[in-house]
Amino acid sequence: MAQRIDYYASLNSPWTHLGAARLMEIADRCGATVRIYPFDVIAVFPASGGLPLPKRSPQRQAYRFQELERWRRFLDIPIQLRPKFFPAKEAAAAHCILAVRETIGNRPAIDLAHRVLKALWEEDADTGDRETLGRLVGEVGLNVPDVMNHADDERWAALRQSETMAAVDRGVFGAPTYVVGDDIFWGQDRLDFLERRLKSGGIAT
């Protein structure tokens, strides 16, 4: 049976975007499946002792920009360090992704999530805008009216909330987080360790 990566993604996270393509390459290389959870990372912070970005110390905020610049150069991914619409309103996109995951499958849901992240971080697009979100849905080959009809559906809001709380119970405290079995890998800079875990067949190396 293929190993499964549970992928806890924030649709506002540059780190989630920076790791997106490599995650899927690793999964394909290792024959693993990926299940995405577009959880509410802000709701996780109180349980984990974390702080939203505006409430972090000036030193931590300054260091974040240094790290983003380093990773942007290292990965050659042309992110905007200060995107115009960050933080975007992410609920509608998250609901659409959950609906796609539950009604179509994991890979189309991941494709949509990654398109949303690219639009925010590379294209300076307002991913909280309905018209923009509909365009992104269409660009990944999904039926726009069918998917957008789920944007305000309360069942997806409830599912997102329950999956966010389940993430806390599981030990997830930030994004992106990749979980295989009981092993948690926080941050796109831990993808090498995730690949080692998958290749080991169950031993966290």
N, C-alpha and C. Protein backbone atom coordinates (compact mmCIF):
# COMPACT_ATOMS: atom_id res chain seq x y z
N MET A 1 0.84 -1.20 0.00
CA MET A 1 0.00 0.00 0.00
C MET A 1 0.88 1.25 0.00
N ALA A 2 0.50 2.24 -0.80
CA ALA A 2 1.28 3.47 -0.88
C ALA A 2 1.22 4.24 0.45
N GLN A 3 2.34 4.84 0.80
CA GLN A 3 2.36 5.70 1.97
C GLN A 3 1.61 6.99 1.66
N ARG A 4 1.03 7.59 2.70
CA ARG A 4 0.25 8.80 2.52
C ARG A 4 0.86 9.97 3.27
N ILE A 5 0.97 11.08 2.58
CA ILE A 5 1.41 12.33 3.20
C ILE A 5 0.17 13.17 3.48
N ASP A 6 -0.07 13.49 4.73
CA ASP A 6 -1.12 14.44 5.07
C ASP A 6 -0.48 15.83 5.05
N TYR A 7 -1.01 16.67 4.21
CA TYR A 7 -0.39 17.95 3.83
C TYR A 7 -1.24 19.08 4.39
N TYR A 8 -0.73 19.72 5.45
CA TYR A 8 -1.44 20.84 6.08
C TYR A 8 -0.92 22.14 5.48
N ALA A 9 -1.76 22.77 4.67
CA ALA A 9 -1.35 23.91 3.87
C ALA A 9 -2.11 25.17 4.29
N SER A 10 -1.39 26.27 4.34
CA SER A 10 -2.02 27.58 4.50
C SER A 10 -2.02 28.29 3.16
N LEU A 11 -3.15 28.82 2.76
CA LEU A 11 -3.27 29.50 1.48
C LEU A 11 -2.72 30.92 1.51
N ASN A 12 -2.15 31.32 2.65
CA ASN A 12 -1.47 32.61 2.76
C ASN A 12 0.02 32.45 3.00
N SER A 13 0.51 31.23 3.05
CA SER A 13 1.88 30.98 3.48
C SER A 13 2.87 30.96 2.32
N PRO A 14 3.88 31.85 2.35
CA PRO A 14 4.92 31.77 1.32
C PRO A 14 5.71 30.48 1.41
N TRP A 15 5.83 29.96 2.62
CA TRP A 15 6.60 28.73 2.81
C TRP A 15 5.87 27.54 2.21
N THR A 16 4.55 27.53 2.32
CA THR A 16 3.77 26.49 1.65
C THR A 16 3.99 26.57 0.15
N HIS A 17 3.99 27.79 -0.39
CA HIS A 17 4.21 27.96 -1.83
C HIS A 17 5.61 27.53 -2.23
N LEU A 18 6.61 27.89 -1.46
CA LEU A 18 7.99 27.54 -1.81
C LEU A 18 8.22 26.03 -1.83
N GLY A 19 7.45 25.30 -1.04
CA GLY A 19 7.62 23.85 -1.00
C GLY A 19 6.68 23.07 -1.90
N ALA A 20 5.75 23.76 -2.56
CA ALA A 20 4.66 23.08 -3.25
C ALA A 20 5.14 22.12 -4.33
N ALA A 21 5.93 22.59 -5.26
CA ALA A 21 6.36 21.75 -6.38
C ALA A 21 7.24 20.61 -5.89
N ARG A 22 8.15 20.90 -4.96
CA ARG A 22 9.05 19.85 -4.46
C ARG A 22 8.30 18.77 -3.72
N LEU A 23 7.27 19.15 -2.97
CA LEU A 23 6.46 18.14 -2.28
C LEU A 23 5.90 17.14 -3.27
N MET A 24 5.31 17.63 -4.35
CA MET A 24 4.68 16.73 -5.30
C MET A 24 5.72 15.90 -6.05
N GLU A 25 6.88 16.47 -6.31
CA GLU A 25 7.95 15.70 -6.94
C GLU A 25 8.41 14.56 -6.04
N ILE A 26 8.54 14.83 -4.76
CA ILE A 26 8.93 13.79 -3.80
C ILE A 26 7.87 12.70 -3.72
N ALA A 27 6.62 13.11 -3.63
CA ALA A 27 5.53 12.13 -3.56
C ALA A 27 5.54 11.23 -4.79
N ASP A 28 5.70 11.81 -5.96
CA ASP A 28 5.72 11.01 -7.19
C ASP A 28 6.93 10.09 -7.22
N ARG A 29 8.07 10.59 -6.79
CA ARG A 29 9.29 9.79 -6.78
C ARG A 29 9.18 8.61 -5.84
N CYS A 30 8.50 8.80 -4.73
CA CYS A 30 8.42 7.77 -3.70
C CYS A 30 7.14 6.94 -3.80
N GLY A 31 6.30 7.23 -4.79
CA GLY A 31 5.05 6.49 -4.94
C GLY A 31 4.07 6.72 -3.81
N ALA A 32 4.12 7.92 -3.20
CA ALA A 32 3.24 8.24 -2.09
C ALA A 32 2.03 9.04 -2.57
N THR A 33 0.96 8.95 -1.83
CA THR A 33 -0.21 9.77 -2.10
C THR A 33 -0.17 10.99 -1.19
N VAL A 34 -0.88 12.04 -1.58
CA VAL A 34 -0.92 13.28 -0.79
C VAL A 34 -2.38 13.66 -0.59
N ARG A 35 -2.73 13.94 0.66
CA ARG A 35 -4.07 14.44 0.99
C ARG A 35 -3.91 15.82 1.59
N ILE A 36 -4.55 16.81 0.99
CA ILE A 36 -4.39 18.19 1.43
C ILE A 36 -5.44 18.58 2.46
N TYR A 37 -5.00 19.38 3.42
CA TYR A 37 -5.87 19.96 4.44
C TYR A 37 -5.62 21.47 4.44
N PRO A 38 -6.49 22.26 3.80
CA PRO A 38 -6.32 23.71 3.78
C PRO A 38 -6.82 24.31 5.10
N PHE A 39 -6.07 24.06 6.16
CA PHE A 39 -6.55 24.38 7.51
C PHE A 39 -6.36 25.86 7.83
N ASP A 40 -6.94 26.27 8.94
CA ASP A 40 -6.88 27.66 9.40
C ASP A 40 -5.71 27.79 10.36
N VAL A 41 -4.56 28.17 9.84
CA VAL A 41 -3.36 28.19 10.67
C VAL A 41 -3.46 29.23 11.77
N ILE A 42 -4.18 30.32 11.54
CA ILE A 42 -4.33 31.35 12.58
C ILE A 42 -5.05 30.78 13.80
N ALA A 43 -6.01 29.89 13.57
CA ALA A 43 -6.74 29.28 14.68
C ALA A 43 -5.88 28.31 15.47
N VAL A 44 -4.78 27.85 14.88
CA VAL A 44 -3.89 26.91 15.54
C VAL A 44 -2.96 27.62 16.52
N PHE A 45 -2.63 28.88 16.25
CA PHE A 45 -1.64 29.57 17.05
C PHE A 45 -1.93 29.60 18.55
N PRO A 46 -3.17 29.92 18.98
CA PRO A 46 -3.41 29.97 20.43
C PRO A 46 -3.10 28.65 21.15
N ALA A 47 -3.35 27.54 20.46
CA ALA A 47 -3.10 26.24 21.09
C ALA A 47 -1.62 25.89 21.13
N SER A 48 -0.83 26.51 20.25
CA SER A 48 0.57 26.11 20.13
C SER A 48 1.54 27.16 20.67
N GLY A 49 1.01 28.33 21.08
CA GLY A 49 1.88 29.38 21.57
C GLY A 49 2.47 30.24 20.46
N GLY A 50 2.02 30.04 19.22
CA GLY A 50 2.50 30.85 18.11
C GLY A 50 1.80 32.19 18.05
N LEU A 51 2.34 33.10 17.23
CA LEU A 51 1.74 34.42 17.06
C LEU A 51 1.52 34.71 15.59
N PRO A 52 0.42 35.36 15.24
CA PRO A 52 0.26 35.84 13.87
C PRO A 52 1.39 36.79 13.52
N LEU A 53 1.68 36.90 12.24
CA LEU A 53 2.83 37.69 11.80
C LEU A 53 2.85 39.10 12.36
N PRO A 54 1.75 39.88 12.33
CA PRO A 54 1.83 41.26 12.82
C PRO A 54 2.17 41.37 14.30
N LYS A 55 1.96 40.31 15.06
CA LYS A 55 2.21 40.36 16.51
C LYS A 55 3.60 39.84 16.88
N ARG A 56 4.37 39.38 15.91
CA ARG A 56 5.72 38.89 16.21
C ARG A 56 6.67 40.06 16.42
N SER A 57 7.75 39.79 17.08
CA SER A 57 8.72 40.84 17.37
C SER A 57 9.30 41.41 16.09
N PRO A 58 9.77 42.67 16.13
CA PRO A 58 10.40 43.25 14.93
C PRO A 58 11.59 42.42 14.44
N GLN A 59 12.32 41.81 15.37
CA GLN A 59 13.46 41.00 14.98
C GLN A 59 13.03 39.77 14.17
N ARG A 60 11.98 39.12 14.62
CA ARG A 60 11.49 37.93 13.92
C ARG A 60 10.90 38.31 12.55
N GLN A 61 10.22 39.44 12.50
CA GLN A 61 9.67 39.87 11.22
C GLN A 61 10.77 40.22 10.22
N ALA A 62 11.82 40.87 10.70
CA ALA A 62 12.95 41.20 9.82
C ALA A 62 13.66 39.94 9.35
N TYR A 63 13.82 38.98 10.24
CA TYR A 63 14.49 37.74 9.87
C TYR A 63 13.67 36.97 8.83
N ARG A 64 12.37 37.03 8.95
CA ARG A 64 11.51 36.35 7.98
C ARG A 64 11.80 36.85 6.56
N PHE A 65 11.96 38.14 6.40
CA PHE A 65 12.26 38.68 5.07
C PHE A 65 13.62 38.20 4.57
N GLN A 66 14.60 38.12 5.47
CA GLN A 66 15.91 37.60 5.06
C GLN A 66 15.79 36.15 4.58
N GLU A 67 15.05 35.36 5.31
CA GLU A 67 14.89 33.95 4.93
C GLU A 67 14.12 33.80 3.62
N LEU A 68 13.08 34.59 3.45
CA LEU A 68 12.33 34.53 2.19
C LEU A 68 13.24 34.88 1.01
N GLU A 69 14.07 35.90 1.19
CA GLU A 69 14.99 36.28 0.11
C GLU A 69 15.99 35.17 -0.16
N ARG A 70 16.51 34.53 0.86
CA ARG A 70 17.47 33.43 0.67
C ARG A 70 16.83 32.28 -0.09
N TRP A 71 15.64 31.89 0.34
CA TRP A 71 14.98 30.76 -0.31
C TRP A 71 14.51 31.12 -1.71
N ARG A 72 14.10 32.36 -1.92
CA ARG A 72 13.71 32.79 -3.26
C ARG A 72 14.87 32.62 -4.23
N ARG A 73 16.06 33.03 -3.81
CA ARG A 73 17.24 32.90 -4.67
C ARG A 73 17.65 31.44 -4.83
N PHE A 74 17.64 30.69 -3.73
CA PHE A 74 18.10 29.31 -3.76
C PHE A 74 17.21 28.43 -4.64
N LEU A 75 15.90 28.60 -4.54
CA LEU A 75 14.95 27.79 -5.31
C LEU A 75 14.63 28.39 -6.66
N ASP A 76 15.03 29.63 -6.88
CA ASP A 76 14.73 30.35 -8.12
C ASP A 76 13.22 30.40 -8.37
N ILE A 77 12.50 30.77 -7.31
CA ILE A 77 11.05 30.95 -7.39
C ILE A 77 10.78 32.44 -7.18
N PRO A 78 10.21 33.12 -8.16
CA PRO A 78 10.13 34.59 -8.13
C PRO A 78 8.99 35.13 -7.28
N ILE A 79 9.04 34.84 -5.97
CA ILE A 79 7.98 35.34 -5.10
C ILE A 79 8.15 36.83 -4.85
N GLN A 80 7.03 37.50 -4.56
CA GLN A 80 7.03 38.87 -4.08
C GLN A 80 7.23 38.83 -2.57
N LEU A 81 8.19 39.57 -2.06
CA LEU A 81 8.41 39.56 -0.61
C LEU A 81 7.29 40.26 0.14
N ARG A 82 6.66 41.23 -0.50
CA ARG A 82 5.55 41.97 0.11
C ARG A 82 4.38 42.01 -0.88
N PRO A 83 3.70 40.90 -1.07
CA PRO A 83 2.61 40.89 -2.06
C PRO A 83 1.50 41.86 -1.67
N LYS A 84 0.92 42.45 -2.68
CA LYS A 84 -0.04 43.53 -2.50
C LYS A 84 -1.26 43.10 -1.67
N PHE A 85 -1.69 41.84 -1.82
CA PHE A 85 -2.94 41.42 -1.19
C PHE A 85 -2.74 40.44 -0.04
N PHE A 86 -1.55 40.44 0.53
CA PHE A 86 -1.27 39.59 1.69
C PHE A 86 -1.56 40.34 2.99
N PRO A 87 -2.27 39.68 3.92
CA PRO A 87 -2.88 38.36 3.82
C PRO A 87 -4.22 38.41 3.10
N ALA A 88 -4.44 37.47 2.23
CA ALA A 88 -5.69 37.39 1.49
C ALA A 88 -6.77 36.71 2.33
N LYS A 89 -8.01 37.02 2.04
CA LYS A 89 -9.11 36.29 2.65
C LYS A 89 -9.13 34.89 2.02
N GLU A 90 -8.93 33.87 2.82
CA GLU A 90 -8.70 32.54 2.26
C GLU A 90 -9.86 31.57 2.42
N ALA A 91 -10.91 31.95 3.14
CA ALA A 91 -11.97 30.99 3.43
C ALA A 91 -12.63 30.45 2.17
N ALA A 92 -12.99 31.32 1.23
CA ALA A 92 -13.69 30.85 0.03
C ALA A 92 -12.82 29.86 -0.75
N ALA A 93 -11.54 30.18 -0.92
CA ALA A 93 -10.64 29.28 -1.63
C ALA A 93 -10.51 27.96 -0.89
N ALA A 94 -10.39 28.02 0.43
CA ALA A 94 -10.27 26.79 1.22
C ALA A 94 -11.51 25.92 1.07
N HIS A 95 -12.69 26.53 1.08
CA HIS A 95 -13.92 25.77 0.92
C HIS A 95 -13.98 25.10 -0.45
N CYS A 96 -13.56 25.83 -1.48
CA CYS A 96 -13.54 25.25 -2.83
C CYS A 96 -12.58 24.08 -2.90
N ILE A 97 -11.43 24.22 -2.27
CA ILE A 97 -10.43 23.14 -2.28
C ILE A 97 -10.97 21.91 -1.56
N LEU A 98 -11.63 22.12 -0.42
CA LEU A 98 -12.22 20.99 0.29
C LEU A 98 -13.29 20.31 -0.55
N ALA A 99 -14.11 21.10 -1.21
CA ALA A 99 -15.17 20.53 -2.05
C ALA A 99 -14.56 19.71 -3.18
N VAL A 100 -13.51 20.23 -3.80
CA VAL A 100 -12.85 19.49 -4.88
C VAL A 100 -12.23 18.21 -4.34
N ARG A 101 -11.59 18.30 -3.19
CA ARG A 101 -10.98 17.11 -2.59
C ARG A 101 -12.02 16.02 -2.33
N GLU A 102 -13.16 16.41 -1.80
CA GLU A 102 -14.16 15.43 -1.39
C GLU A 102 -15.00 14.92 -2.56
N THR A 103 -15.14 15.70 -3.62
CA THR A 103 -16.02 15.30 -4.72
C THR A 103 -15.27 14.86 -5.98
N ILE A 104 -14.02 15.29 -6.12
CA ILE A 104 -13.26 14.94 -7.32
C ILE A 104 -12.00 14.16 -6.98
N GLY A 105 -11.22 14.68 -6.03
CA GLY A 105 -10.02 13.95 -5.64
C GLY A 105 -8.94 14.86 -5.10
N ASN A 106 -7.91 14.23 -4.53
CA ASN A 106 -6.84 14.97 -3.89
C ASN A 106 -6.01 15.79 -4.87
N ARG A 107 -5.63 15.19 -5.98
CA ARG A 107 -4.71 15.89 -6.88
C ARG A 107 -5.33 17.16 -7.46
N PRO A 108 -6.58 17.14 -7.94
CA PRO A 108 -7.16 18.40 -8.41
C PRO A 108 -7.27 19.45 -7.30
N ALA A 109 -7.53 19.00 -6.08
CA ALA A 109 -7.60 19.94 -4.96
C ALA A 109 -6.24 20.56 -4.70
N ILE A 110 -5.19 19.76 -4.78
CA ILE A 110 -3.83 20.27 -4.59
C ILE A 110 -3.46 21.22 -5.71
N ASP A 111 -3.82 20.85 -6.94
CA ASP A 111 -3.55 21.74 -8.07
C ASP A 111 -4.18 23.12 -7.87
N LEU A 112 -5.41 23.13 -7.35
CA LEU A 112 -6.08 24.40 -7.11
C LEU A 112 -5.39 25.18 -5.99
N ALA A 113 -5.05 24.51 -4.91
CA ALA A 113 -4.36 25.18 -3.81
C ALA A 113 -3.05 25.80 -4.27
N HIS A 114 -2.31 25.05 -5.06
CA HIS A 114 -1.01 25.56 -5.51
C HIS A 114 -1.18 26.70 -6.52
N ARG A 115 -2.25 26.67 -7.29
CA ARG A 115 -2.50 27.79 -8.21
C ARG A 115 -2.86 29.05 -7.43
N VAL A 116 -3.64 28.89 -6.36
CA VAL A 116 -3.99 30.02 -5.51
C VAL A 116 -2.72 30.64 -4.90
N LEU A 117 -1.85 29.79 -4.39
CA LEU A 117 -0.62 30.28 -3.76
C LEU A 117 0.28 31.00 -4.77
N LYS A 118 0.39 30.44 -5.96
CA LYS A 118 1.21 31.09 -6.99
C LYS A 118 0.64 32.45 -7.36
N ALA A 119 -0.67 32.53 -7.47
CA ALA A 119 -1.31 33.80 -7.83
C ALA A 119 -1.03 34.87 -6.78
N LEU A 120 -1.09 34.48 -5.51
CA LEU A 120 -0.86 35.44 -4.43
C LEU A 120 0.60 35.87 -4.37
N TRP A 121 1.52 34.88 -4.42
CA TRP A 121 2.92 35.16 -4.12
C TRP A 121 3.77 35.52 -5.34
N GLU A 122 3.34 35.14 -6.53
CA GLU A 122 4.13 35.47 -7.71
C GLU A 122 3.46 36.49 -8.61
N GLU A 123 2.14 36.57 -8.57
CA GLU A 123 1.41 37.39 -9.54
C GLU A 123 0.72 38.60 -8.92
N ASP A 124 0.87 38.78 -7.61
CA ASP A 124 0.23 39.90 -6.91
C ASP A 124 -1.28 39.92 -7.14
N ALA A 125 -1.91 38.76 -7.18
CA ALA A 125 -3.35 38.67 -7.38
C ALA A 125 -4.08 38.61 -6.04
N ASP A 126 -5.28 39.12 -6.01
CA ASP A 126 -6.11 39.08 -4.81
C ASP A 126 -6.89 37.77 -4.81
N THR A 127 -6.36 36.78 -4.14
CA THR A 127 -6.98 35.45 -4.15
C THR A 127 -8.21 35.38 -3.27
N GLY A 128 -8.50 36.45 -2.53
CA GLY A 128 -9.75 36.52 -1.78
C GLY A 128 -10.89 37.09 -2.59
N ASP A 129 -10.58 37.56 -3.79
CA ASP A 129 -11.59 38.12 -4.68
C ASP A 129 -12.28 36.99 -5.45
N ARG A 130 -13.61 37.01 -5.49
CA ARG A 130 -14.36 35.91 -6.11
C ARG A 130 -14.05 35.76 -7.59
N GLU A 131 -13.98 36.87 -8.29
CA GLU A 131 -13.71 36.80 -9.73
C GLU A 131 -12.33 36.19 -9.99
N THR A 132 -11.35 36.61 -9.19
CA THR A 132 -10.01 36.05 -9.33
C THR A 132 -10.00 34.57 -9.01
N LEU A 133 -10.67 34.19 -7.94
CA LEU A 133 -10.73 32.78 -7.56
C LEU A 133 -11.38 31.95 -8.66
N GLY A 134 -12.47 32.44 -9.24
CA GLY A 134 -13.11 31.72 -10.34
C GLY A 134 -12.18 31.53 -11.51
N ARG A 135 -11.39 32.55 -11.81
CA ARG A 135 -10.42 32.42 -12.91
C ARG A 135 -9.40 31.34 -12.62
N LEU A 136 -8.92 31.28 -11.39
CA LEU A 136 -7.92 30.27 -11.01
C LEU A 136 -8.51 28.86 -11.07
N VAL A 137 -9.76 28.74 -10.64
CA VAL A 137 -10.45 27.45 -10.73
C VAL A 137 -10.47 26.97 -12.18
N GLY A 138 -10.82 27.86 -13.09
CA GLY A 138 -10.86 27.50 -14.51
C GLY A 138 -9.49 27.17 -15.06
N GLU A 139 -8.46 27.86 -14.59
CA GLU A 139 -7.12 27.65 -15.12
C GLU A 139 -6.55 26.28 -14.76
N VAL A 140 -7.06 25.65 -13.72
CA VAL A 140 -6.59 24.29 -13.40
C VAL A 140 -7.53 23.22 -13.98
N GLY A 141 -8.45 23.65 -14.86
CA GLY A 141 -9.27 22.70 -15.59
C GLY A 141 -10.52 22.24 -14.88
N LEU A 142 -10.95 22.97 -13.86
CA LEU A 142 -12.16 22.60 -13.13
C LEU A 142 -13.34 23.42 -13.62
N ASN A 143 -14.55 22.89 -13.38
CA ASN A 143 -15.77 23.59 -13.79
C ASN A 143 -16.02 24.74 -12.83
N VAL A 144 -15.95 25.96 -13.34
CA VAL A 144 -16.00 27.13 -12.47
C VAL A 144 -17.32 27.24 -11.70
N PRO A 145 -18.49 27.21 -12.36
CA PRO A 145 -19.73 27.33 -11.57
C PRO A 145 -19.88 26.22 -10.54
N ASP A 146 -19.56 24.99 -10.91
CA ASP A 146 -19.71 23.88 -9.97
C ASP A 146 -18.85 24.08 -8.74
N VAL A 147 -17.60 24.48 -8.94
CA VAL A 147 -16.69 24.64 -7.80
C VAL A 147 -17.05 25.88 -7.00
N MET A 148 -17.32 26.99 -7.66
CA MET A 148 -17.58 28.22 -6.94
C MET A 148 -18.88 28.18 -6.14
N ASN A 149 -19.78 27.32 -6.51
CA ASN A 149 -21.02 27.15 -5.74
C ASN A 149 -20.75 26.67 -4.31
N HIS A 150 -19.56 26.13 -4.09
CA HIS A 150 -19.22 25.61 -2.76
C HIS A 150 -18.54 26.65 -1.88
N ALA A 151 -18.24 27.84 -2.42
CA ALA A 151 -17.41 28.80 -1.70
C ALA A 151 -18.00 29.21 -0.35
N ASP A 152 -19.32 29.31 -0.26
CA ASP A 152 -19.96 29.75 0.98
C ASP A 152 -20.76 28.65 1.66
N ASP A 153 -20.56 27.42 1.23
CA ASP A 153 -21.33 26.31 1.79
C ASP A 153 -20.88 26.04 3.23
N GLU A 154 -21.80 26.05 4.16
CA GLU A 154 -21.47 25.89 5.57
C GLU A 154 -20.85 24.53 5.89
N ARG A 155 -21.16 23.52 5.09
CA ARG A 155 -20.58 22.20 5.40
C ARG A 155 -19.08 22.21 5.22
N TRP A 156 -18.58 23.00 4.24
CA TRP A 156 -17.13 23.05 4.06
C TRP A 156 -16.49 23.91 5.13
N ALA A 157 -17.18 24.95 5.58
CA ALA A 157 -16.67 25.75 6.70
C ALA A 157 -16.57 24.89 7.95
N ALA A 158 -17.59 24.06 8.19
CA ALA A 158 -17.58 23.19 9.36
C ALA A 158 -16.49 22.13 9.24
N LEU A 159 -16.30 21.59 8.03
CA LEU A 159 -15.27 20.59 7.83
C LEU A 159 -13.88 21.20 8.06
N ARG A 160 -13.68 22.41 7.56
CA ARG A 160 -12.38 23.07 7.76
C ARG A 160 -12.11 23.29 9.24
N GLN A 161 -13.13 23.71 9.97
CA GLN A 161 -12.95 23.93 11.40
C GLN A 161 -12.61 22.63 12.11
N SER A 162 -13.32 21.56 11.79
CA SER A 162 -13.07 20.29 12.48
C SER A 162 -11.70 19.74 12.12
N GLU A 163 -11.27 19.93 10.86
CA GLU A 163 -9.95 19.45 10.46
C GLU A 163 -8.84 20.29 11.08
N THR A 164 -9.11 21.57 11.32
CA THR A 164 -8.14 22.42 12.00
C THR A 164 -7.95 21.97 13.44
N MET A 165 -9.04 21.68 14.11
CA MET A 165 -8.93 21.21 15.50
C MET A 165 -8.27 19.83 15.56
N ALA A 166 -8.55 18.98 14.60
CA ALA A 166 -7.90 17.67 14.55
C ALA A 166 -6.40 17.82 14.31
N ALA A 167 -6.02 18.84 13.53
CA ALA A 167 -4.60 19.09 13.31
C ALA A 167 -3.90 19.45 14.61
N VAL A 168 -4.55 20.29 15.42
CA VAL A 168 -3.98 20.65 16.72
C VAL A 168 -3.79 19.41 17.58
N ASP A 169 -4.81 18.56 17.62
CA ASP A 169 -4.74 17.33 18.41
C ASP A 169 -3.62 16.41 17.92
N ARG A 170 -3.32 16.52 16.66
CA ARG A 170 -2.29 15.66 16.06
C ARG A 170 -0.87 16.20 16.30
N GLY A 171 -0.79 17.45 16.73
CA GLY A 171 0.51 18.04 16.98
C GLY A 171 0.96 19.03 15.94
N VAL A 172 0.08 19.39 15.01
CA VAL A 172 0.42 20.36 13.98
C VAL A 172 0.32 21.77 14.57
N PHE A 173 1.32 22.62 14.27
CA PHE A 173 1.32 23.97 14.83
C PHE A 173 1.71 25.05 13.85
N GLY A 174 1.95 24.71 12.59
CA GLY A 174 2.31 25.71 11.60
C GLY A 174 2.16 25.16 10.21
N ALA A 175 2.47 26.00 9.24
CA ALA A 175 2.31 25.61 7.83
C ALA A 175 3.55 26.00 7.03
N PRO A 176 3.92 25.14 6.10
CA PRO A 176 3.30 23.85 5.79
C PRO A 176 3.78 22.77 6.76
N THR A 177 2.93 21.82 7.01
CA THR A 177 3.30 20.64 7.78
C THR A 177 2.95 19.41 6.97
N TYR A 178 3.87 18.45 6.96
CA TYR A 178 3.70 17.20 6.24
C TYR A 178 3.76 16.08 7.28
N VAL A 179 2.74 15.22 7.30
CA VAL A 179 2.67 14.16 8.30
C VAL A 179 2.59 12.81 7.61
N VAL A 180 3.46 11.90 8.02
CA VAL A 180 3.41 10.52 7.56
C VAL A 180 3.35 9.64 8.80
N GLY A 181 2.23 8.97 9.01
CA GLY A 181 2.08 8.19 10.23
C GLY A 181 2.13 9.10 11.43
N ASP A 182 3.07 8.82 12.33
CA ASP A 182 3.24 9.65 13.53
C ASP A 182 4.36 10.69 13.37
N ASP A 183 4.96 10.73 12.21
CA ASP A 183 6.10 11.61 12.00
C ASP A 183 5.64 12.94 11.39
N ILE A 184 6.00 14.04 12.05
CA ILE A 184 5.61 15.38 11.64
C ILE A 184 6.83 16.12 11.12
N PHE A 185 6.66 16.75 9.96
CA PHE A 185 7.73 17.54 9.35
C PHE A 185 7.17 18.94 9.10
N TRP A 186 7.68 19.91 9.88
CA TRP A 186 7.17 21.28 9.78
C TRP A 186 8.12 22.11 8.93
N GLY A 187 7.60 22.70 7.88
CA GLY A 187 8.36 23.63 7.06
C GLY A 187 8.89 23.02 5.79
N GLN A 188 8.91 23.82 4.74
CA GLN A 188 9.40 23.34 3.45
C GLN A 188 10.89 23.00 3.50
N ASP A 189 11.60 23.49 4.51
CA ASP A 189 13.01 23.14 4.66
C ASP A 189 13.21 21.76 5.28
N ARG A 190 12.11 21.05 5.55
CA ARG A 190 12.21 19.68 6.08
C ARG A 190 11.80 18.65 5.03
N LEU A 191 11.67 19.09 3.79
CA LEU A 191 11.24 18.15 2.74
C LEU A 191 12.26 17.05 2.49
N ASP A 192 13.54 17.33 2.67
CA ASP A 192 14.54 16.27 2.51
C ASP A 192 14.33 15.16 3.54
N PHE A 193 13.99 15.56 4.76
CA PHE A 193 13.72 14.55 5.79
C PHE A 193 12.45 13.78 5.50
N LEU A 194 11.45 14.46 4.94
CA LEU A 194 10.23 13.77 4.53
C LEU A 194 10.55 12.70 3.49
N GLU A 195 11.37 13.04 2.52
CA GLU A 195 11.71 12.05 1.49
C GLU A 195 12.47 10.88 2.09
N ARG A 196 13.36 11.14 3.01
CA ARG A 196 14.09 10.04 3.66
C ARG A 196 13.13 9.13 4.41
N ARG A 197 12.15 9.75 5.07
CA ARG A 197 11.15 8.96 5.81
C ARG A 197 10.37 8.06 4.86
N LEU A 198 9.98 8.58 3.72
CA LEU A 198 9.21 7.79 2.75
C LEU A 198 10.07 6.65 2.20
N LYS A 199 11.33 6.93 1.92
CA LYS A 199 12.20 5.91 1.35
C LYS A 199 12.60 4.85 2.35
N SER A 200 12.53 5.21 3.65
CA SER A 200 12.93 4.25 4.68
C SER A 200 11.86 3.21 4.94
N GLY A 201 10.64 3.46 4.45
CA GLY A 201 9.56 2.51 4.67
C GLY A 201 9.02 2.50 6.08
N GLY A 202 9.21 3.58 6.81
CA GLY A 202 8.60 3.65 8.14
C GLY A 202 9.53 4.07 9.24
N ILE A 203 10.81 4.31 8.92
CA ILE A 203 11.77 4.73 9.94
C ILE A 203 12.10 6.18 9.68
N ALA A 204 11.89 7.03 10.68
CA ALA A 204 12.21 8.44 10.56
C ALA A 204 13.71 8.62 10.69
N THR A 205 14.39 8.99 9.58
CA THR A 205 15.85 9.11 9.61
C THR A 205 16.29 10.56 9.55
